[in-house]
């Protein structure tokens, strides 16, 4: 199927919205409308460093989106590209749109001299993973993220954990070395 991959522009908001919402629904996520509004404005603001591409079919209908950003790393001189969001409308899956979007990100990374493009996906994304297995490789890394803390934890051992980080912890206060940290916690 002939298609075009191009940058997003202001006039694309109405067509982008359903694809963005479809992406969020696929990952069983709901965002407040103001988050979507901020995301949209960031995608269009060149100072933000976020990049975006869309795939259109031969009729000019938007059938896929990809959002990505580049960043510096401590393990290389070259920047790296993080492919953050990629989604193709269900009716357009299997047309090559997903691959075309990834390859367009690869081309942008190559033009900038990046040494890596990487992305995350949910383990249940079997269709996406079939594509990813053809255009990339699985790494041994497992993602962790901070647990949200609404208030200071009650356990002294947990309170001591930030002691191994530089600077004051916003919840526990000044850094103090604690034997629990040295003992492997």
Protein backbone atom coordinates (compact mmCIF):
# COMPACT_ATOMS: atom_id res chain seq x y z
CA UNK A 1 0.00 0.00 0.00
CA UNK A 2 1.53 3.35 -0.97
CA UNK A 3 1.96 5.64 2.00
CA UNK A 4 3.68 8.82 3.06
CA UNK A 5 5.58 9.42 6.28
CA UNK A 6 5.87 13.08 7.19
CA UNK A 7 6.17 15.40 10.20
CA UNK A 8 3.05 16.32 12.12
CA UNK A 9 1.69 19.85 11.73
CA UNK A 10 -0.89 22.04 13.47
CA UNK A 11 -3.63 21.05 11.01
CA UNK A 12 -3.24 17.38 12.02
CA UNK A 13 -4.75 17.72 15.52
CA UNK A 14 -8.17 16.31 14.59
CA UNK A 15 -6.69 13.24 12.84
CA UNK A 16 -3.95 12.74 15.45
CA UNK A 17 -6.40 12.68 18.38
CA UNK A 18 -8.09 9.34 17.59
CA UNK A 19 -4.73 7.64 16.96
CA UNK A 20 -3.34 9.01 20.24
CA UNK A 21 -6.47 7.85 22.04
CA UNK A 22 -6.23 4.43 20.36
CA UNK A 23 -2.64 4.15 21.56
CA UNK A 24 -3.66 4.98 25.13
CA UNK A 25 -6.56 2.52 25.02
CA UNK A 26 -4.29 -0.24 23.71
CA UNK A 27 -2.12 0.22 26.79
CA UNK A 28 -5.20 0.50 29.04
CA UNK A 29 -4.30 4.05 29.99
CA UNK A 30 -6.41 7.12 30.58
CA UNK A 31 -4.92 10.59 30.64
CA UNK A 32 -6.53 13.83 31.68
CA UNK A 33 -7.36 16.02 28.67
CA UNK A 34 -4.83 18.63 29.83
CA UNK A 35 -2.03 16.05 29.52
CA UNK A 36 -3.04 15.37 25.92
CA UNK A 37 -3.15 19.13 25.29
CA UNK A 38 0.34 19.59 26.76
CA UNK A 39 1.63 16.61 24.77
CA UNK A 40 0.23 18.11 21.57
CA UNK A 41 1.82 21.50 22.26
CA UNK A 42 5.17 19.88 23.08
CA UNK A 43 5.11 17.93 19.83
CA UNK A 44 4.75 21.18 17.90
CA UNK A 45 7.28 23.21 19.90
CA UNK A 46 10.78 22.92 18.35
CA UNK A 47 12.34 23.95 21.68
CA UNK A 48 10.96 20.81 23.36
CA UNK A 49 13.23 18.34 21.55
CA UNK A 50 10.34 15.95 20.92
CA UNK A 51 9.89 14.70 17.39
CA UNK A 52 6.91 13.22 15.64
CA UNK A 53 5.99 11.62 12.37
CA UNK A 54 2.76 10.40 10.90
CA UNK A 55 1.97 7.81 8.25
CA UNK A 56 -0.73 8.58 5.72
CA UNK A 57 -2.31 6.17 3.24
CA UNK A 58 -2.70 6.97 -0.43
CA UNK A 59 -5.95 8.83 0.31
CA UNK A 60 -4.16 11.15 2.76
CA UNK A 61 -5.79 9.53 5.80
CA UNK A 62 -3.56 9.47 8.89
CA UNK A 63 -3.05 5.79 9.78
CA UNK A 64 -0.09 5.86 12.18
CA UNK A 65 1.92 8.01 14.56
CA UNK A 66 5.34 7.88 16.14
CA UNK A 67 6.79 10.21 18.80
CA UNK A 68 10.48 10.12 19.66
CA UNK A 69 13.19 12.13 21.33
CA UNK A 70 16.96 12.12 21.51
CA UNK A 71 19.13 12.43 24.55
CA UNK A 72 22.72 12.27 25.68
CA UNK A 73 24.05 9.27 27.57
CA UNK A 74 27.04 8.56 29.79
CA UNK A 75 28.10 5.43 27.89
CA UNK A 76 28.65 6.98 24.46
CA UNK A 77 29.63 10.19 22.75
CA UNK A 78 26.73 9.98 20.31
CA UNK A 79 23.15 10.76 21.27
CA UNK A 80 20.52 8.06 21.49
CA UNK A 81 16.96 8.09 20.23
CA UNK A 82 14.09 6.92 22.38
CA UNK A 83 11.10 5.88 20.30
CA UNK A 84 8.44 6.68 22.87
CA UNK A 85 5.07 6.12 21.19
CA UNK A 86 4.19 4.22 18.02
CA UNK A 87 0.68 3.32 16.99
CA UNK A 88 -1.01 2.22 13.78
CA UNK A 89 -4.78 2.21 13.33
CA UNK A 90 -6.17 -1.31 13.53
CA UNK A 91 -7.50 -1.20 9.97
CA UNK A 92 -4.01 -0.28 8.69
CA UNK A 93 -2.02 -2.95 10.55
CA UNK A 94 -0.10 -5.28 8.27
CA UNK A 95 0.28 -2.59 5.59
CA UNK A 96 3.87 -1.71 6.45
CA UNK A 97 2.95 1.55 8.20
CA UNK A 98 4.50 0.49 11.53
CA UNK A 99 7.74 -0.53 9.87
CA UNK A 100 7.80 2.66 7.78
CA UNK A 101 7.45 4.78 10.93
CA UNK A 102 10.28 2.93 12.70
CA UNK A 103 12.52 3.16 9.64
CA UNK A 104 11.84 6.90 9.44
CA UNK A 105 13.01 7.23 13.06
CA UNK A 106 16.09 5.16 12.14
CA UNK A 107 16.77 7.60 9.27
CA UNK A 108 16.46 10.60 11.61
CA UNK A 109 18.82 8.95 14.09
CA UNK A 110 21.34 8.17 11.34
CA UNK A 111 21.20 11.76 10.07
CA UNK A 112 22.00 13.01 13.58
CA UNK A 113 24.76 10.44 14.15
CA UNK A 114 22.94 8.63 16.97
CA UNK A 115 24.42 5.29 17.92
CA UNK A 116 21.16 3.70 19.06
CA UNK A 117 17.39 3.78 18.75
CA UNK A 118 15.48 1.97 21.49
CA UNK A 119 11.95 1.54 22.73
CA UNK A 120 9.87 -0.27 25.32
CA UNK A 121 6.70 -2.26 24.87
CA UNK A 122 4.34 -4.25 27.03
CA UNK A 123 4.88 -8.01 27.07
CA UNK A 124 1.30 -8.54 25.79
CA UNK A 125 1.94 -6.52 22.60
CA UNK A 126 2.42 -9.67 20.49
CA UNK A 127 1.63 -8.08 17.12
CA UNK A 128 4.00 -5.18 17.76
CA UNK A 129 6.68 -7.55 19.02
CA UNK A 130 6.55 -9.58 15.80
CA UNK A 131 7.49 -6.40 13.95
CA UNK A 132 10.06 -5.39 16.58
CA UNK A 133 11.75 -8.78 16.28
CA UNK A 134 12.30 -8.05 12.57
CA UNK A 135 13.59 -4.48 12.93
CA UNK A 136 15.39 -4.63 16.29
CA UNK A 137 16.60 -6.94 19.00
CA UNK A 138 15.42 -7.62 22.52
CA UNK A 139 17.86 -6.44 25.18
CA UNK A 140 18.39 -8.02 28.59
CA UNK A 141 17.31 -4.87 30.43
CA UNK A 142 14.25 -4.84 32.67
CA UNK A 143 12.59 -1.51 33.36
CA UNK A 144 12.02 -0.30 36.91
CA UNK A 145 10.42 2.91 37.99
CA UNK A 146 10.11 4.71 41.28
CA UNK A 147 7.16 3.83 43.42
CA UNK A 148 5.03 6.88 44.03
CA UNK A 149 5.36 8.16 47.58
CA UNK A 150 2.70 10.54 48.79
CA UNK A 151 4.35 10.92 52.18
CA UNK A 152 7.54 9.89 53.93
CA UNK A 153 7.82 6.12 54.41
CA UNK A 154 7.53 4.82 57.97
CA UNK A 155 10.28 2.18 57.82
CA UNK A 156 13.74 3.43 58.94
CA UNK A 157 15.37 1.10 56.38
CA UNK A 158 13.37 2.61 53.54
CA UNK A 159 14.09 6.11 54.82
CA UNK A 160 17.80 5.26 54.68
CA UNK A 161 17.78 4.20 51.03
CA UNK A 162 18.17 7.73 49.61
CA UNK A 163 21.30 8.12 51.75
CA UNK A 164 23.36 6.58 48.97
CA UNK A 165 22.30 9.33 46.54
CA UNK A 166 23.95 12.77 46.39
CA UNK A 167 22.03 15.78 47.64
CA UNK A 168 19.15 16.09 50.08
CA UNK A 169 16.12 13.87 49.66
CA UNK A 170 12.96 15.99 49.37
CA UNK A 171 11.03 13.69 51.73
CA UNK A 172 13.53 12.44 54.28
CA UNK A 173 15.64 15.61 54.51
CA UNK A 174 19.43 15.83 54.74
CA UNK A 175 21.51 12.84 53.68
CA UNK A 176 22.69 10.66 56.52
CA UNK A 177 24.68 7.49 56.05
CA UNK A 178 22.83 4.52 57.46
CA UNK A 179 24.19 1.02 58.19
CA UNK A 180 21.20 -0.57 56.42
CA UNK A 181 22.47 0.92 53.14
CA UNK A 182 25.96 -0.50 53.61
CA UNK A 183 24.53 -3.90 54.62
CA UNK A 184 22.72 -4.30 51.36
CA UNK A 185 19.49 -2.98 52.80
